[in-house]
C-alpha atoms as a PDB file:
ATOM      1  CA  MET A   1      -2.313  21.330  -8.092  1.00  0.00           C
ATOM      2  CA  THR A   2      -3.862  17.839  -8.025  1.00  0.00           C
ATOM      3  CA  ASP A   3      -5.834  15.486  -5.855  1.00  0.00           C
ATOM      4  CA  TYR A   4      -4.204  13.916  -3.160  1.00  0.00           C
ATOM      5  CA  ALA A   5      -4.205  11.662  -0.225  1.00  0.00           C
ATOM      6  CA  ILE A   6      -1.852  10.478   2.187  1.00  0.00           C
ATOM      7  CA  VAL A   7      -3.082   6.201   3.236  1.00  0.00           C
ATOM      8  CA  ARG A   8      -2.225   3.789   5.903  1.00  0.00           C
ATOM      9  CA  THR A   9      -2.751   0.128   4.764  1.00  0.00           C
ATOM     10  CA  GLY A  10      -0.448  -2.921   6.118  1.00  0.00           C
ATOM     11  CA  GLY A  11       1.936  -0.687   8.274  1.00  0.00           C
ATOM     12  CA  LYS A  12       3.181   1.632   6.002  1.00  0.00           C
ATOM     13  CA  GLN A  13       1.972   5.092   4.221  1.00  0.00           C
ATOM     14  CA  TYR A  14       1.328   6.151   0.752  1.00  0.00           C
ATOM     15  CA  ARG A  15       0.412   9.593  -1.486  1.00  0.00           C
ATOM     16  CA  VAL A  16      -1.826   8.321  -3.849  1.00  0.00           C
ATOM     17  CA  ARG A  17      -3.311   9.936  -6.539  1.00  0.00           C
ATOM     18  CA  PRO A  18      -6.498   9.262  -9.237  1.00  0.00           C
ATOM     19  CA  GLY A  19      -5.010   7.278 -11.288  1.00  0.00           C
ATOM     20  CA  ASP A  20      -1.562   5.682  -9.645  1.00  0.00           C
ATOM     21  CA  THR A  21      -1.308   2.402  -9.200  1.00  0.00           C
ATOM     22  CA  VAL A  22       0.209   1.157  -6.217  1.00  0.00           C
ATOM     23  CA  SER A  23       2.096  -1.987  -4.924  1.00  0.00           C
ATOM     24  CA  ILE A  24       0.855  -2.392  -0.964  1.00  0.00           C
ATOM     25  CA  GLU A  25       0.637  -5.670   1.012  1.00  0.00           C
ATOM     26  CA  LYS A  26      -1.102  -8.298   0.347  1.00  0.00           C
ATOM     27  CA  LEU A  27      -5.538  -7.952  -0.113  1.00  0.00           C
ATOM     28  CA  GLY A  28      -7.742 -10.439   0.423  1.00  0.00           C
ATOM     29  CA  GLY A  29      -9.926  -9.895  -3.273  1.00  0.00           C
ATOM     30  CA  GLU A  30      -9.817 -11.058  -6.641  1.00  0.00           C
ATOM     31  CA  VAL A  31      -8.536  -8.911  -9.158  1.00  0.00           C
ATOM     32  CA  GLY A  32     -11.141  -6.538 -10.509  1.00  0.00           C
ATOM     33  CA  ASP A  33     -12.605  -6.262  -6.708  1.00  0.00           C
ATOM     34  CA  PHE A  34     -13.206  -2.741  -5.719  1.00  0.00           C
ATOM     35  CA  VAL A  35     -11.397  -2.095  -2.085  1.00  0.00           C
ATOM     36  CA  ASN A  36     -12.213   1.428   0.221  1.00  0.00           C
ATOM     37  CA  PHE A  37      -9.446   2.451   2.154  1.00  0.00           C
ATOM     38  CA  ASP A  38     -10.165   4.241   5.312  1.00  0.00           C
ATOM     39  CA  GLU A  39      -7.604   5.015   7.566  1.00  0.00           C
ATOM     40  CA  ILE A  40      -6.842   8.457   6.029  1.00  0.00           C
ATOM     41  CA  LEU A  41      -4.621  10.721   8.096  1.00  0.00           C
ATOM     42  CA  MET A  42      -4.116  13.528   5.337  1.00  0.00           C
ATOM     43  CA  THR A  43      -6.197  14.852   2.161  1.00  0.00           C
ATOM     44  CA  SER A  44      -5.700  17.797  -0.729  1.00  0.00           C
ATOM     45  CA  VAL A  45      -9.327  17.671  -2.523  1.00  0.00           C
ATOM     46  CA  ASP A  46      -9.719  20.538  -5.400  1.00  0.00           C
ATOM     47  CA  ASP A  47      -6.859  22.587  -3.409  1.00  0.00           C
ATOM     48  CA  LYS A  48      -7.954  22.489  -0.131  1.00  0.00           C
ATOM     49  CA  VAL A  49      -6.073  20.560   2.762  1.00  0.00           C
ATOM     50  CA  THR A  50      -7.177  18.573   5.414  1.00  0.00           C
ATOM     51  CA  VAL A  51      -5.090  17.015   8.401  1.00  0.00           C
ATOM     52  CA  GLY A  52      -6.315  14.618  10.284  1.00  0.00           C
ATOM     53  CA  SER A  53      -5.613  13.970  13.925  1.00  0.00           C
ATOM     54  CA  PRO A  54      -5.194  11.184  13.476  1.00  0.00           C
ATOM     55  CA  LEU A  55      -7.712   9.854  10.679  1.00  0.00           C
ATOM     56  CA  VAL A  56      -9.282  12.669   8.381  1.00  0.00           C
ATOM     57  CA  GLU A  57     -13.268  12.373   9.054  1.00  0.00           C
ATOM     58  CA  ASN A  58     -14.985  10.907   6.773  1.00  0.00           C
ATOM     59  CA  ALA A  59     -12.476  10.124   4.098  1.00  0.00           C
ATOM     60  CA  THR A  60     -12.379   6.846   1.470  1.00  0.00           C
ATOM     61  CA  VAL A  61     -10.350   6.390  -1.163  1.00  0.00           C
ATOM     62  CA  ARG A  62     -11.537   3.883  -3.375  1.00  0.00           C
ATOM     63  CA  ALA A  63      -9.250   1.608  -5.345  1.00  0.00           C
ATOM     64  CA  GLU A  64      -9.699  -1.666  -7.675  1.00  0.00           C
ATOM     65  CA  ILE A  65      -7.372  -4.848  -7.027  1.00  0.00           C
ATOM     66  CA  THR A  66      -5.546  -5.298 -10.533  1.00  0.00           C
ATOM     67  CA  ASP A  67      -2.776  -7.468  -9.848  1.00  0.00           C
ATOM     68  CA  GLN A  68      -2.308 -10.042  -7.142  1.00  0.00           C
ATOM     69  CA  GLY A  69       1.608 -11.449  -7.087  1.00  0.00           C
ATOM     70  CA  ARG A  70       5.025 -12.237  -5.182  1.00  0.00           C
ATOM     71  CA  GLY A  71       8.392  -9.910  -5.974  1.00  0.00           C
ATOM     72  CA  LYS A  72      11.804 -11.429  -6.022  1.00  0.00           C
ATOM     73  CA  LYS A  73      13.102 -13.843  -3.815  1.00  0.00           C
ATOM     74  CA  VAL A  74      15.384 -12.648  -1.196  1.00  0.00           C
ATOM     75  CA  ILE A  75      18.191 -14.560  -0.122  1.00  0.00           C
ATOM     76  CA  ALA A  76      19.308 -13.719   3.695  1.00  0.00           C
ATOM     77  CA  PHE A  77      22.677 -16.100   4.083  1.00  0.00           C
ATOM     78  CA  ARG A  78      24.454 -16.060   7.553  1.00  0.00           C
ATOM     79  CA  TYR A  79      27.938 -17.946   7.969  1.00  0.00           C
ATOM     80  CA  LYS A  80      30.463 -18.055  10.843  1.00  0.00           C
ATOM     81  CA  ASN A  81      33.508 -19.179   9.520  1.00  0.00           C
ATOM     82  CA  LYS A  82      35.905 -22.411  10.972  1.00  0.00           C
ATOM     83  CA  THR A  83      32.586 -24.173  12.023  1.00  0.00           C
ATOM     84  CA  ARG A  84      31.139 -25.003   8.480  1.00  0.00           C
ATOM     85  CA  GLN A  85      28.211 -23.136   9.976  1.00  0.00           C
ATOM     86  CA  ARG A  86      25.998 -21.380   6.706  1.00  0.00           C
ATOM     87  CA  THR A  87      22.095 -21.120   6.856  1.00  0.00           C
ATOM     88  CA  LYS A  88      20.553 -20.113   3.854  1.00  0.00           C
ATOM     89  CA  ARG A  89      16.684 -18.813   3.759  1.00  0.00           C
ATOM     90  CA  GLY A  90      14.730 -16.690   1.121  1.00  0.00           C
ATOM     91  CA  HIS A  91      11.547 -15.326   1.287  1.00  0.00           C
ATOM     92  CA  ARG A  92       9.271 -13.694  -1.381  1.00  0.00           C
ATOM     93  CA  GLN A  93       6.730 -10.893   0.053  1.00  0.00           C
ATOM     94  CA  SER A  94       3.296 -11.470  -1.815  1.00  0.00           C
ATOM     95  CA  TYR A  95       1.860  -7.411  -2.984  1.00  0.00           C
ATOM     96  CA  THR A  96      -1.581  -6.303  -4.489  1.00  0.00           C
ATOM     97  CA  ASP A  97      -1.539  -4.072  -7.151  1.00  0.00           C
ATOM     98  CA  VAL A  98      -4.100  -1.453  -7.116  1.00  0.00           C
ATOM     99  CA  LEU A  99      -5.730   1.372  -9.457  1.00  0.00           C
ATOM    100  CA  VAL A 100      -6.655   4.378  -7.456  1.00  0.00           C
ATOM    101  CA  GLN A 101     -10.174   5.491  -8.676  1.00  0.00           C
ATOM    102  CA  ASP A 102     -11.126   8.517  -6.363  1.00  0.00           C
ATOM    103  CA  ILE A 103     -10.907  10.329  -3.367  1.00  0.00           C
ATOM    104  CA  SER A 104     -14.113  11.417  -1.226  1.00  0.00           C
ATOM    105  CA  ILE A 105     -14.591  13.135   1.833  1.00  0.00           C
ATOM    106  CA  LYS A 106     -18.102  13.440   2.677  1.00  0.00           C
END
């Protein structure tokens, strides 16, 4: 069984394993920088499951930033008939791709 962790970042939760590439909310940093995630909700390391209440003590996930970018454009279009009222807005969400290096519990 492979090691994994549940990480909370950007208001969302992600299940990550070493070697995974995950697209998350934008983080500060350049491509090639390393990031440590400290908000770990659950870990499974060496077939030992640890559930935090709410966080696992002394657990970190180390990841490398591989890409900074923006997603596809999402169009929000509102229309009311018979009044010529139209509103068109577009939005592109910024994201960061990270490559998970390792999961550690001290």
